[in-house]
Amino acid sequence: MLRLAWTLLRRRPPLVVMEGTGVAGGTAVIAARVLAGIPYVVSSGDAVAPYVAIDHRMLAPLAGLYERLLYRLSAGFIGWTPYLVGRALTFGAPRAMTAPGWSIPGRREDRERRRRQLGIPEEAVVFGLIGSLEWGSASEYCYGKELVEALLRTDRAELRVLVVGDGSGLERLRALAGEELDRRIVLPGRVPKEEVTSYLAAIDIASLPQSVDGVGSFRYTTKISEYLAAGLPVVTGQIPLAYDIDEGWIWRLPGEAPWDERYVKALAELMATVSGAEIERKRAAVPERDGRFDRERQQLQVGEFVADLLAASA
C-alpha cells in the first residue's frame, strides 16, 4: 500500500483506475487523492460492506465507512451491474456507469465430445455451473452444493449435475455426492480457461446461485455473460437480475439463498419434472446477442467515460 501510494505521489498520473475494492489499493488511491488531488476511478462487482459481513460481521461498520469514503472521494465509479452503480452514486460517487463484462460465444458442436469425455449420456438432462468452489464457513456453502443436494433428493435416472471448478469446497462436494460421484454427479475440478466453453456446451440448464440480500442482489457475476454466450437457460433465485433481463429463459426459485431449504426443495422439484421440450423453449428464448454484454460496446463506453473524467479533471 505504501509503495503504491508513494508511486502515485511521485508520478502524479492524470487519472488512476482501480479494479476491485481491496483495502490496500483503496487506501493508496484515497491517500493520493487527499494529499495530491490525484483523481481515481473504482471498478467493482460487489457491495463491500455486505460482502465483508458474511464472515466478519463485526467488521461490517468499518467496511461500510471505507466503502462510502472510497466512492465519495472518487472521480467516478464503474459497476458490473446497474444496482452497484446506484449504490455508489448514493454513497457519493460523482459520476458512474455500468460495464457488466463479456464472454466468448460457446460452440454447440463441443457438446457431444465433452459429454463423451465426461461419461455423460447424450440424452441426459444436465444441470451445471462453472466457478470458484470456495467454502463459506458462515453459510456452510459453496457454489454447486445446492445442485448436489437437490439431485440427491431425486431418483431420475437420466439426471446429471456437472460442477466445474476448484477450491476449498470441492472435496466437501465430493464427500456429499457419496455413491453418486462419477455417476449422476460429475465434479472434474479445475479446467483450463480455453476449455470452459466446451464444458458449458455440455450443460442444459445453468445454475446462477445468488442470495437475495446485500451481496447476491447486487450481482450479475461473470457467469451470466458466460451462460448467455453459451445460449444456456438459467435457474436462479428471486434476485433483481432474474426479473430485469429475463425474456423467458430464466427459472426463478423461492428462498433467501441457494442454501435455503425452500430453494433446494424447489430445485429438486424442477430437476425431477423439467422436460426436454421445456428446456428447448427456454433455450430458444435466450437472446443470441445482448447488447449489455457486448465487448466492443463496453470498451467504447468505458473509454468515453474515462476520457470525460480526464477532461473534467484537467
C-alpha atoms as a PDB file:
ATOM      1  CA  MET A   1       0.000   0.000   0.000  1.00  0.00           C
ATOM      2  CA  LEU A   2       2.754   2.459   0.979  1.00  0.00           C
ATOM      3  CA  ARG A   3       4.758   1.644  -2.159  1.00  0.00           C
ATOM      4  CA  LEU A   4       1.718   2.195  -4.384  1.00  0.00           C
ATOM      5  CA  ALA A   5       0.824   5.450  -2.635  1.00  0.00           C
ATOM      6  CA  TRP A   6       4.407   6.697  -2.977  1.00  0.00           C
ATOM      7  CA  THR A   7       4.473   5.744  -6.675  1.00  0.00           C
ATOM      8  CA  LEU A   8       1.273   7.685  -7.305  1.00  0.00           C
ATOM      9  CA  LEU A   9       2.551  10.730  -5.424  1.00  0.00           C
ATOM     10  CA  ARG A  10       5.839  10.636  -7.325  1.00  0.00           C
ATOM     11  CA  ARG A  11       4.442  10.093 -10.813  1.00  0.00           C
ATOM     12  CA  ARG A  12       1.267  12.198 -10.442  1.00  0.00           C
ATOM     13  CA  PRO A  13      -0.813  10.389 -13.128  1.00  0.00           C
ATOM     14  CA  PRO A  14      -3.769  12.359 -14.530  1.00  0.00           C
ATOM     15  CA  LEU A  15      -6.152   9.547 -13.519  1.00  0.00           C
ATOM     16  CA  VAL A  16      -5.890   6.193 -11.719  1.00  0.00           C
ATOM     17  CA  VAL A  17      -8.253   3.290 -12.492  1.00  0.00           C
ATOM     18  CA  MET A  18      -8.612   0.776  -9.654  1.00  0.00           C
ATOM     19  CA  GLU A  19     -10.118  -2.654 -10.361  1.00  0.00           C
ATOM     20  CA  GLY A  20     -11.795  -4.039  -7.241  1.00  0.00           C
ATOM     21  CA  THR A  21     -12.247  -2.529  -3.802  1.00  0.00           C
ATOM     22  CA  GLY A  22      -9.332  -4.011  -1.858  1.00  0.00           C
ATOM     23  CA  VAL A  23      -8.235  -2.058   1.191  1.00  0.00           C
ATOM     24  CA  ALA A  24      -4.567  -1.796   0.170  1.00  0.00           C
ATOM     25  CA  GLY A  25      -5.296  -0.299  -3.240  1.00  0.00           C
ATOM     26  CA  GLY A  26      -8.193   1.756  -1.935  1.00  0.00           C
ATOM     27  CA  THR A  27      -6.150   3.286   0.877  1.00  0.00           C
ATOM     28  CA  ALA A  28      -3.407   4.184  -1.596  1.00  0.00           C
ATOM     29  CA  VAL A  29      -5.717   5.958  -4.059  1.00  0.00           C
ATOM     30  CA  ILE A  30      -7.558   7.733  -1.222  1.00  0.00           C
ATOM     31  CA  ALA A  31      -4.222   8.966   0.157  1.00  0.00           C
ATOM     32  CA  ALA A  32      -3.118  10.160  -3.290  1.00  0.00           C
ATOM     33  CA  ARG A  33      -6.436  11.944  -3.721  1.00  0.00           C
ATOM     34  CA  VAL A  34      -6.287  13.690  -0.328  1.00  0.00           C
ATOM     35  CA  LEU A  35      -2.574  14.580  -0.406  1.00  0.00           C
ATOM     36  CA  ALA A  36      -2.106  15.456  -4.070  1.00  0.00           C
ATOM     37  CA  GLY A  37      -5.558  15.715  -5.646  1.00  0.00           C
ATOM     38  CA  ILE A  38      -4.925  12.744  -7.956  1.00  0.00           C
ATOM     39  CA  PRO A  39      -8.326  11.576  -9.279  1.00  0.00           C
ATOM     40  CA  TYR A  40      -9.222   7.902  -9.388  1.00  0.00           C
ATOM     41  CA  VAL A  41     -11.927   5.608 -10.742  1.00  0.00           C
ATOM     42  CA  VAL A  42     -13.158   2.477  -8.940  1.00  0.00           C
ATOM     43  CA  SER A  43     -14.475  -0.589 -10.790  1.00  0.00           C
ATOM     44  CA  SER A  44     -16.245  -3.269  -8.746  1.00  0.00           C
ATOM     45  CA  GLY A  45     -18.621  -6.215  -8.923  1.00  0.00           C
ATOM     46  CA  ASP A  46     -19.524  -6.491  -5.230  1.00  0.00           C
ATOM     47  CA  ALA A  47     -21.033  -4.397  -2.451  1.00  0.00           C
ATOM     48  CA  VAL A  48     -18.180  -4.098   0.067  1.00  0.00           C
ATOM     49  CA  ALA A  49     -19.851  -3.968   3.476  1.00  0.00           C
ATOM     50  CA  PRO A  50     -22.379  -6.802   2.907  1.00  0.00           C
ATOM     51  CA  TYR A  51     -19.628  -8.993   1.459  1.00  0.00           C
ATOM     52  CA  VAL A  52     -17.339  -8.438   4.461  1.00  0.00           C
ATOM     53  CA  ALA A  53     -20.237  -9.092   6.841  1.00  0.00           C
ATOM     54  CA  ILE A  54     -20.644 -12.653   5.522  1.00  0.00           C
ATOM     55  CA  ASP A  55     -17.698 -13.938   7.560  1.00  0.00           C
ATOM     56  CA  HIS A  56     -16.695 -10.883   9.639  1.00  0.00           C
ATOM     57  CA  ARG A  57     -19.872  -9.280  10.954  1.00  0.00           C
ATOM     58  CA  MET A  58     -18.019  -7.140  13.499  1.00  0.00           C
ATOM     59  CA  LEU A  59     -16.029  -5.504  10.703  1.00  0.00           C
ATOM     60  CA  ALA A  60     -19.096  -4.565   8.646  1.00  0.00           C
ATOM     61  CA  PRO A  61     -19.412  -0.993  10.063  1.00  0.00           C
ATOM     62  CA  LEU A  62     -15.768  -0.264   9.256  1.00  0.00           C
ATOM     63  CA  ALA A  63     -16.190  -1.796   5.798  1.00  0.00           C
ATOM     64  CA  GLY A  64     -19.245   0.390   5.237  1.00  0.00           C
ATOM     65  CA  LEU A  65     -17.322   3.512   6.218  1.00  0.00           C
ATOM     66  CA  TYR A  66     -14.468   2.545   3.898  1.00  0.00           C
ATOM     67  CA  GLU A  67     -16.871   1.865   1.024  1.00  0.00           C
ATOM     68  CA  ARG A  68     -18.555   5.251   1.389  1.00  0.00           C
ATOM     69  CA  LEU A  69     -15.242   7.087   1.622  1.00  0.00           C
ATOM     70  CA  LEU A  70     -13.830   5.233  -1.401  1.00  0.00           C
ATOM     71  CA  TYR A  71     -16.795   6.201  -3.570  1.00  0.00           C
ATOM     72  CA  ARG A  72     -17.234   9.750  -2.259  1.00  0.00           C
ATOM     73  CA  LEU A  73     -13.629  10.714  -2.952  1.00  0.00           C
ATOM     74  CA  SER A  74     -13.521   9.052  -6.372  1.00  0.00           C
ATOM     75  CA  ALA A  75     -13.846  10.823  -9.692  1.00  0.00           C
ATOM     76  CA  GLY A  76     -16.181   8.083 -10.882  1.00  0.00           C
ATOM     77  CA  PHE A  77     -17.360   4.507 -10.484  1.00  0.00           C
ATOM     78  CA  ILE A  78     -17.660   1.638 -12.988  1.00  0.00           C
ATOM     79  CA  GLY A  79     -20.071  -1.011 -11.715  1.00  0.00           C
ATOM     80  CA  TRP A  80     -20.553  -4.512 -13.025  1.00  0.00           C
ATOM     81  CA  THR A  81     -24.314  -4.034 -12.526  1.00  0.00           C
ATOM     82  CA  PRO A  82     -26.674  -1.040 -12.529  1.00  0.00           C
ATOM     83  CA  TYR A  83     -27.529  -1.868  -8.915  1.00  0.00           C
ATOM     84  CA  LEU A  84     -23.928  -1.314  -7.828  1.00  0.00           C
ATOM     85  CA  VAL A  85     -23.852   1.915  -9.824  1.00  0.00           C
ATOM     86  CA  GLY A  86     -26.876   3.148  -7.864  1.00  0.00           C
ATOM     87  CA  ARG A  87     -25.203   2.153  -4.593  1.00  0.00           C
ATOM     88  CA  ALA A  88     -22.035   4.049  -5.488  1.00  0.00           C
ATOM     89  CA  LEU A  89     -23.983   7.164  -6.508  1.00  0.00           C
ATOM     90  CA  THR A  90     -25.953   7.022  -3.277  1.00  0.00           C
ATOM     91  CA  PHE A  91     -22.693   6.834  -1.334  1.00  0.00           C
ATOM     92  CA  GLY A  92     -21.349   9.939  -3.062  1.00  0.00           C
ATOM     93  CA  ALA A  93     -19.636   8.889  -6.301  1.00  0.00           C
ATOM     94  CA  PRO A  94     -19.931  11.968  -8.553  1.00  0.00           C
ATOM     95  CA  ARG A  95     -20.260  10.006 -11.817  1.00  0.00           C
ATOM     96  CA  ALA A  96     -20.839   6.367 -12.712  1.00  0.00           C
ATOM     97  CA  MET A  97     -21.530   3.865 -15.486  1.00  0.00           C
ATOM     98  CA  THR A  98     -22.267   0.141 -15.894  1.00  0.00           C
ATOM     99  CA  ALA A  99     -19.903  -2.355 -17.584  1.00  0.00           C
ATOM    100  CA  PRO A 100     -21.074  -5.921 -16.829  1.00  0.00           C
ATOM    101  CA  GLY A 101     -18.381  -7.829 -18.746  1.00  0.00           C
ATOM    102  CA  TRP A 102     -18.484 -10.186 -21.712  1.00  0.00           C
ATOM    103  CA  SER A 103     -17.620 -13.725 -22.758  1.00  0.00           C
ATOM    104  CA  ILE A 104     -16.598 -15.607 -25.883  1.00  0.00           C
ATOM    105  CA  PRO A 105     -19.564 -17.398 -27.532  1.00  0.00           C
ATOM    106  CA  GLY A 106     -19.632 -21.143 -26.996  1.00  0.00           C
ATOM    107  CA  ARG A 107     -19.835 -23.802 -29.680  1.00  0.00           C
ATOM    108  CA  ARG A 108     -22.646 -26.348 -29.547  1.00  0.00           C
ATOM    109  CA  GLU A 109     -20.542 -28.801 -31.548  1.00  0.00           C
ATOM    110  CA  ASP A 110     -18.390 -29.276 -28.418  1.00  0.00           C
ATOM    111  CA  ARG A 111     -21.353 -30.809 -26.588  1.00  0.00           C
ATOM    112  CA  GLU A 112     -21.072 -34.396 -27.807  1.00  0.00           C
ATOM    113  CA  ARG A 113     -17.287 -34.555 -27.441  1.00  0.00           C
ATOM    114  CA  ARG A 114     -17.261 -33.128 -23.910  1.00  0.00           C
ATOM    115  CA  ARG A 115     -20.157 -35.281 -22.717  1.00  0.00           C
ATOM    116  CA  ARG A 116     -18.468 -38.387 -24.060  1.00  0.00           C
ATOM    117  CA  GLN A 117     -15.230 -37.436 -22.281  1.00  0.00           C
ATOM    118  CA  LEU A 118     -17.118 -36.887 -19.004  1.00  0.00           C
ATOM    119  CA  GLY A 119     -19.178 -40.067 -19.307  1.00  0.00           C
ATOM    120  CA  ILE A 120     -22.460 -38.159 -19.616  1.00  0.00           C
ATOM    121  CA  PRO A 121     -25.046 -39.729 -21.974  1.00  0.00           C
ATOM    122  CA  GLU A 122     -26.275 -37.562 -24.802  1.00  0.00           C
ATOM    123  CA  GLU A 123     -29.882 -37.955 -23.626  1.00  0.00           C
ATOM    124  CA  ALA A 124     -29.070 -36.830 -20.053  1.00  0.00           C
ATOM    125  CA  VAL A 125     -30.586 -33.674 -18.565  1.00  0.00           C
ATOM    126  CA  VAL A 126     -27.605 -31.761 -17.173  1.00  0.00           C
ATOM    127  CA  PHE A 127     -27.756 -29.007 -14.561  1.00  0.00           C
ATOM    128  CA  GLY A 128     -24.424 -27.338 -14.026  1.00  0.00           C
ATOM    129  CA  LEU A 129     -22.192 -24.413 -13.291  1.00  0.00           C
ATOM    130  CA  ILE A 130     -18.587 -23.319 -13.622  1.00  0.00           C
ATOM    131  CA  GLY A 131     -16.957 -21.220 -10.923  1.00  0.00           C
ATOM    132  CA  SER A 132     -14.820 -20.936  -7.832  1.00  0.00           C
ATOM    133  CA  LEU A 133     -15.791 -23.516  -5.219  1.00  0.00           C
ATOM    134  CA  GLU A 134     -14.600 -21.698  -2.092  1.00  0.00           C
ATOM    135  CA  TRP A 135     -16.287 -22.881   1.097  1.00  0.00           C
ATOM    136  CA  GLY A 136     -18.106 -20.266   3.191  1.00  0.00           C
ATOM    137  CA  SER A 137     -17.860 -21.175   6.865  1.00  0.00           C
ATOM    138  CA  ALA A 138     -20.755 -18.959   7.955  1.00  0.00           C
ATOM    139  CA  SER A 139     -23.231 -20.389   5.432  1.00  0.00           C
ATOM    140  CA  GLU A 140     -21.582 -23.834   5.164  1.00  0.00           C
ATOM    141  CA  TYR A 141     -21.930 -23.486   1.412  1.00  0.00           C
ATOM    142  CA  CYS A 142     -20.024 -23.259  -1.840  1.00  0.00           C
ATOM    143  CA  TYR A 143     -21.242 -22.948  -5.417  1.00  0.00           C
ATOM    144  CA  GLY A 144     -22.724 -26.216  -6.591  1.00  0.00           C
ATOM    145  CA  LYS A 145     -23.796 -27.545  -3.206  1.00  0.00           C
ATOM    146  CA  GLU A 146     -27.432 -26.755  -3.983  1.00  0.00           C
ATOM    147  CA  LEU A 147     -27.178 -28.791  -7.189  1.00  0.00           C
ATOM    148  CA  VAL A 148     -25.694 -31.815  -5.441  1.00  0.00           C
ATOM    149  CA  GLU A 149     -28.220 -31.691  -2.605  1.00  0.00           C
ATOM    150  CA  ALA A 150     -31.148 -31.304  -4.991  1.00  0.00           C
ATOM    151  CA  LEU A 151     -30.065 -34.198  -7.201  1.00  0.00           C
ATOM    152  CA  LEU A 152     -29.734 -36.484  -4.178  1.00  0.00           C
ATOM    153  CA  ARG A 153     -33.433 -35.880  -3.494  1.00  0.00           C
ATOM    154  CA  THR A 154     -34.443 -37.246  -6.896  1.00  0.00           C
ATOM    155  CA  ASP A 155     -34.282 -40.697  -8.459  1.00  0.00           C
ATOM    156  CA  ARG A 156     -34.472 -39.529 -12.077  1.00  0.00           C
ATOM    157  CA  ALA A 157     -32.059 -41.813 -13.884  1.00  0.00           C
ATOM    158  CA  GLU A 158     -31.178 -39.508 -16.787  1.00  0.00           C
ATOM    159  CA  LEU A 159     -30.449 -36.521 -14.496  1.00  0.00           C
ATOM    160  CA  ARG A 160     -26.867 -35.286 -14.153  1.00  0.00           C
ATOM    161  CA  VAL A 161     -25.118 -32.495 -12.235  1.00  0.00           C
ATOM    162  CA  LEU A 162     -21.873 -31.054 -13.612  1.00  0.00           C
ATOM    163  CA  VAL A 163     -19.960 -28.667 -11.332  1.00  0.00           C
ATOM    164  CA  VAL A 164     -16.656 -27.446 -12.769  1.00  0.00           C
ATOM    165  CA  GLY A 165     -14.129 -25.600 -10.637  1.00  0.00           C
ATOM    166  CA  ASP A 166     -11.736 -25.859  -7.731  1.00  0.00           C
ATOM    167  CA  GLY A 167     -11.465 -24.520  -4.217  1.00  0.00           C
ATOM    168  CA  SER A 168     -11.836 -25.437  -0.572  1.00  0.00           C
ATOM    169  CA  GLY A 169     -15.368 -26.717  -1.175  1.00  0.00           C
ATOM    170  CA  LEU A 170     -14.537 -29.274  -3.863  1.00  0.00           C
ATOM    171  CA  GLU A 171     -13.724 -32.138  -1.502  1.00  0.00           C
ATOM    172  CA  ARG A 172     -16.833 -31.338   0.541  1.00  0.00           C
ATOM    173  CA  LEU A 173     -18.936 -31.638  -2.618  1.00  0.00           C
ATOM    174  CA  ARG A 174     -17.282 -34.941  -3.461  1.00  0.00           C
ATOM    175  CA  ALA A 175     -17.997 -36.253   0.036  1.00  0.00           C
ATOM    176  CA  LEU A 176     -21.604 -35.040  -0.167  1.00  0.00           C
ATOM    177  CA  ALA A 177     -22.073 -36.734  -3.548  1.00  0.00           C
ATOM    178  CA  GLY A 178     -21.305 -40.123  -1.999  1.00  0.00           C
ATOM    179  CA  GLU A 179     -22.172 -43.053  -4.255  1.00  0.00           C
ATOM    180  CA  GLU A 180     -23.445 -40.718  -6.965  1.00  0.00           C
ATOM    181  CA  LEU A 181     -19.961 -39.274  -7.551  1.00  0.00           C
ATOM    182  CA  ASP A 182     -18.872 -40.009 -11.130  1.00  0.00           C
ATOM    183  CA  ARG A 183     -22.312 -41.443 -11.784  1.00  0.00           C
ATOM    184  CA  ARG A 184     -25.037 -38.807 -11.709  1.00  0.00           C
ATOM    185  CA  ILE A 185     -22.744 -36.173 -10.134  1.00  0.00           C
ATOM    186  CA  VAL A 186     -19.649 -35.124 -12.102  1.00  0.00           C
ATOM    187  CA  LEU A 187     -17.010 -32.952 -10.404  1.00  0.00           C
ATOM    188  CA  PRO A 188     -13.965 -32.688 -12.683  1.00  0.00           C
ATOM    189  CA  GLY A 189     -12.241 -29.913 -10.723  1.00  0.00           C
ATOM    190  CA  ARG A 190     -10.295 -27.077 -12.348  1.00  0.00           C
ATOM    191  CA  VAL A 191     -10.154 -26.959 -16.148  1.00  0.00           C
ATOM    192  CA  PRO A 192      -8.050 -24.799 -18.499  1.00  0.00           C
ATOM    193  CA  LYS A 193      -9.653 -21.450 -19.280  1.00  0.00           C
ATOM    194  CA  GLU A 194      -9.679 -22.174 -23.013  1.00  0.00           C
ATOM    195  CA  GLU A 195     -11.839 -25.268 -22.386  1.00  0.00           C
ATOM    196  CA  VAL A 196     -14.561 -23.540 -20.359  1.00  0.00           C
ATOM    197  CA  THR A 197     -16.838 -23.022 -23.351  1.00  0.00           C
ATOM    198  CA  SER A 198     -16.794 -26.738 -24.196  1.00  0.00           C
ATOM    199  CA  TYR A 199     -17.837 -27.621 -20.637  1.00  0.00           C
ATOM    200  CA  LEU A 200     -20.656 -25.080 -20.841  1.00  0.00           C
ATOM    201  CA  ALA A 201     -21.770 -26.771 -24.066  1.00  0.00           C
ATOM    202  CA  ALA A 202     -22.270 -29.999 -22.106  1.00  0.00           C
ATOM    203  CA  ILE A 203     -24.842 -28.318 -19.809  1.00  0.00           C
ATOM    204  CA  ASP A 204     -28.592 -27.996 -20.449  1.00  0.00           C
ATOM    205  CA  ILE A 205     -29.556 -25.710 -17.552  1.00  0.00           C
ATOM    206  CA  ALA A 206     -27.031 -23.388 -15.928  1.00  0.00           C
ATOM    207  CA  SER A 207     -27.176 -22.563 -12.231  1.00  0.00           C
ATOM    208  CA  LEU A 208     -26.686 -18.987 -11.019  1.00  0.00           C
ATOM    209  CA  PRO A 209     -26.862 -19.360  -7.232  1.00  0.00           C
ATOM    210  CA  GLN A 210     -27.157 -15.970  -5.522  1.00  0.00           C
ATOM    211  CA  SER A 211     -28.573 -14.923  -2.172  1.00  0.00           C
ATOM    212  CA  VAL A 212     -31.437 -12.434  -2.011  1.00  0.00           C
ATOM    213  CA  ASP A 213     -29.564  -9.927   0.149  1.00  0.00           C
ATOM    214  CA  GLY A 214     -26.974  -7.164   0.036  1.00  0.00           C
ATOM    215  CA  VAL A 215     -24.446  -9.474  -1.604  1.00  0.00           C
ATOM    216  CA  GLY A 216     -26.315 -11.557  -4.172  1.00  0.00           C
ATOM    217  CA  SER A 217     -28.942  -8.988  -5.124  1.00  0.00           C
ATOM    218  CA  PHE A 218     -26.311  -6.533  -6.341  1.00  0.00           C
ATOM    219  CA  ARG A 219     -24.522  -9.060  -8.557  1.00  0.00           C
ATOM    220  CA  TYR A 220     -24.626 -10.210 -12.140  1.00  0.00           C
ATOM    221  CA  THR A 221     -21.386 -12.207 -11.710  1.00  0.00           C
ATOM    222  CA  THR A 222     -19.263 -13.139 -14.717  1.00  0.00           C
ATOM    223  CA  LYS A 223     -21.306 -16.344 -15.024  1.00  0.00           C
ATOM    224  CA  ILE A 224     -24.309 -14.634 -16.585  1.00  0.00           C
ATOM    225  CA  SER A 225     -22.357 -13.396 -19.617  1.00  0.00           C
ATOM    226  CA  GLU A 226     -20.798 -16.858 -19.993  1.00  0.00           C
ATOM    227  CA  TYR A 227     -24.202 -18.530 -19.870  1.00  0.00           C
ATOM    228  CA  LEU A 228     -25.662 -16.096 -22.385  1.00  0.00           C
ATOM    229  CA  ALA A 229     -22.709 -16.613 -24.717  1.00  0.00           C
ATOM    230  CA  ALA A 230     -23.292 -20.374 -24.482  1.00  0.00           C
ATOM    231  CA  GLY A 231     -27.024 -19.968 -25.148  1.00  0.00           C
ATOM    232  CA  LEU A 232     -27.997 -21.577 -21.841  1.00  0.00           C
ATOM    233  CA  PRO A 233     -31.252 -21.092 -19.928  1.00  0.00           C
ATOM    234  CA  VAL A 234     -30.625 -20.258 -16.269  1.00  0.00           C
ATOM    235  CA  VAL A 235     -32.047 -21.236 -12.889  1.00  0.00           C
ATOM    236  CA  THR A 236     -31.524 -18.736 -10.093  1.00  0.00           C
ATOM    237  CA  GLY A 237     -33.180 -17.078  -7.105  1.00  0.00           C
ATOM    238  CA  GLN A 238     -35.585 -14.162  -6.971  1.00  0.00           C
ATOM    239  CA  ILE A 239     -32.835 -11.568  -7.389  1.00  0.00           C
ATOM    240  CA  PRO A 240     -33.255  -8.324  -9.403  1.00  0.00           C
ATOM    241  CA  LEU A 241     -31.349  -9.746 -12.378  1.00  0.00           C
ATOM    242  CA  ALA A 242     -33.854 -12.595 -12.684  1.00  0.00           C
ATOM    243  CA  TYR A 243     -36.598 -10.090 -13.464  1.00  0.00           C
ATOM    244  CA  ASP A 244     -34.682  -7.316 -15.215  1.00  0.00           C
ATOM    245  CA  ILE A 245     -33.012  -9.295 -18.009  1.00  0.00           C
ATOM    246  CA  ASP A 246     -35.367 -12.271 -18.314  1.00  0.00           C
ATOM    247  CA  GLU A 247     -37.073 -12.749 -21.668  1.00  0.00           C
ATOM    248  CA  GLY A 248     -38.422 -16.201 -20.904  1.00  0.00           C
ATOM    249  CA  TRP A 249     -35.144 -18.097 -20.341  1.00  0.00           C
ATOM    250  CA  ILE A 250     -34.849 -17.944 -16.532  1.00  0.00           C
ATOM    251  CA  TRP A 251     -36.388 -20.125 -13.828  1.00  0.00           C
ATOM    252  CA  ARG A 252     -36.783 -18.182 -10.553  1.00  0.00           C
ATOM    253  CA  LEU A 253     -36.821 -20.236  -7.374  1.00  0.00           C
ATOM    254  CA  PRO A 254     -38.067 -19.147  -3.929  1.00  0.00           C
ATOM    255  CA  GLY A 255     -35.851 -18.902  -0.871  1.00  0.00           C
ATOM    256  CA  GLU A 256     -33.465 -16.360   0.597  1.00  0.00           C
ATOM    257  CA  ALA A 257     -30.305 -18.127  -0.595  1.00  0.00           C
ATOM    258  CA  PRO A 258     -29.175 -21.217  -2.508  1.00  0.00           C
ATOM    259  CA  TRP A 259     -28.586 -22.942   0.847  1.00  0.00           C
ATOM    260  CA  ASP A 260     -32.166 -22.174   1.942  1.00  0.00           C
ATOM    261  CA  GLU A 261     -34.311 -25.321   2.272  1.00  0.00           C
ATOM    262  CA  ARG A 262     -37.044 -23.732   0.139  1.00  0.00           C
ATOM    263  CA  TYR A 263     -34.569 -23.136  -2.681  1.00  0.00           C
ATOM    264  CA  VAL A 264     -33.119 -26.646  -2.583  1.00  0.00           C
ATOM    265  CA  LYS A 265     -36.597 -28.194  -2.449  1.00  0.00           C
ATOM    266  CA  ALA A 266     -37.787 -26.148  -5.440  1.00  0.00           C
ATOM    267  CA  LEU A 267     -34.624 -27.012  -7.356  1.00  0.00           C
ATOM    268  CA  ALA A 268     -35.136 -30.719  -6.681  1.00  0.00           C
ATOM    269  CA  GLU A 269     -38.719 -30.452  -7.965  1.00  0.00           C
ATOM    270  CA  LEU A 270     -37.510 -28.730 -11.120  1.00  0.00           C
ATOM    271  CA  MET A 271     -34.874 -31.409 -11.664  1.00  0.00           C
ATOM    272  CA  ALA A 272     -37.436 -34.164 -11.258  1.00  0.00           C
ATOM    273  CA  THR A 273     -40.027 -32.698 -13.608  1.00  0.00           C
ATOM    274  CA  VAL A 274     -38.415 -30.489 -16.259  1.00  0.00           C
ATOM    275  CA  SER A 275     -38.910 -31.855 -19.771  1.00  0.00           C
ATOM    276  CA  GLY A 276     -36.753 -31.666 -22.847  1.00  0.00           C
ATOM    277  CA  ALA A 277     -39.431 -29.589 -24.558  1.00  0.00           C
ATOM    278  CA  GLU A 278     -39.450 -27.059 -21.717  1.00  0.00           C
ATOM    279  CA  ILE A 279     -35.660 -26.788 -21.831  1.00  0.00           C
ATOM    280  CA  GLU A 280     -35.764 -26.152 -25.568  1.00  0.00           C
ATOM    281  CA  ARG A 281     -38.431 -23.452 -25.129  1.00  0.00           C
ATOM    282  CA  LYS A 282     -36.246 -21.716 -22.567  1.00  0.00           C
ATOM    283  CA  ARG A 283     -33.155 -22.115 -24.729  1.00  0.00           C
ATOM    284  CA  ALA A 284     -34.972 -20.612 -27.728  1.00  0.00           C
ATOM    285  CA  ALA A 285     -35.740 -17.532 -25.604  1.00  0.00           C
ATOM    286  CA  VAL A 286     -32.065 -16.869 -24.816  1.00  0.00           C
ATOM    287  CA  PRO A 287     -31.071 -13.800 -26.866  1.00  0.00           C
ATOM    288  CA  GLU A 288     -28.428 -14.515 -29.492  1.00  0.00           C
ATOM    289  CA  ARG A 289     -26.907 -11.116 -28.793  1.00  0.00           C
ATOM    290  CA  ASP A 290     -27.473  -8.971 -25.708  1.00  0.00           C
ATOM    291  CA  GLY A 291     -26.010  -5.501 -26.110  1.00  0.00           C
ATOM    292  CA  ARG A 292     -25.378  -5.188 -22.382  1.00  0.00           C
ATOM    293  CA  PHE A 293     -22.710  -7.881 -22.642  1.00  0.00           C
ATOM    294  CA  ASP A 294     -21.151  -6.800 -25.947  1.00  0.00           C
ATOM    295  CA  ARG A 295     -17.367  -6.389 -25.697  1.00  0.00           C
ATOM    296  CA  GLU A 296     -16.873  -3.695 -28.334  1.00  0.00           C
ATOM    297  CA  ARG A 297     -19.731  -1.628 -26.959  1.00  0.00           C
ATOM    298  CA  GLN A 298     -18.405  -1.782 -23.403  1.00  0.00           C
ATOM    299  CA  GLN A 299     -14.857  -0.959 -24.434  1.00  0.00           C
ATOM    300  CA  LEU A 300     -16.105   2.091 -26.299  1.00  0.00           C
ATOM    301  CA  GLN A 301     -18.316   3.238 -23.422  1.00  0.00           C
ATOM    302  CA  VAL A 302     -15.638   2.793 -20.770  1.00  0.00           C
ATOM    303  CA  GLY A 303     -13.136   4.627 -22.958  1.00  0.00           C
ATOM    304  CA  GLU A 304     -15.538   7.546 -23.367  1.00  0.00           C
ATOM    305  CA  PHE A 305     -16.272   7.573 -19.630  1.00  0.00           C
ATOM    306  CA  VAL A 306     -12.577   7.719 -18.726  1.00  0.00           C
ATOM    307  CA  ALA A 307     -11.935  10.383 -21.376  1.00  0.00           C
ATOM    308  CA  ASP A 308     -14.739  12.522 -19.948  1.00  0.00           C
ATOM    309  CA  LEU A 309     -13.330  12.178 -16.444  1.00  0.00           C
ATOM    310  CA  LEU A 310      -9.863  13.160 -17.687  1.00  0.00           C
ATOM    311  CA  ALA A 311     -11.300  16.211 -19.383  1.00  0.00           C
ATOM    312  CA  ALA A 312     -13.217  17.170 -16.235  1.00  0.00           C
ATOM    313  CA  SER A 313     -10.104  16.923 -14.062  1.00  0.00           C
ATOM    314  CA  ALA A 314      -7.795  18.794 -16.449  1.00  0.00           C
END
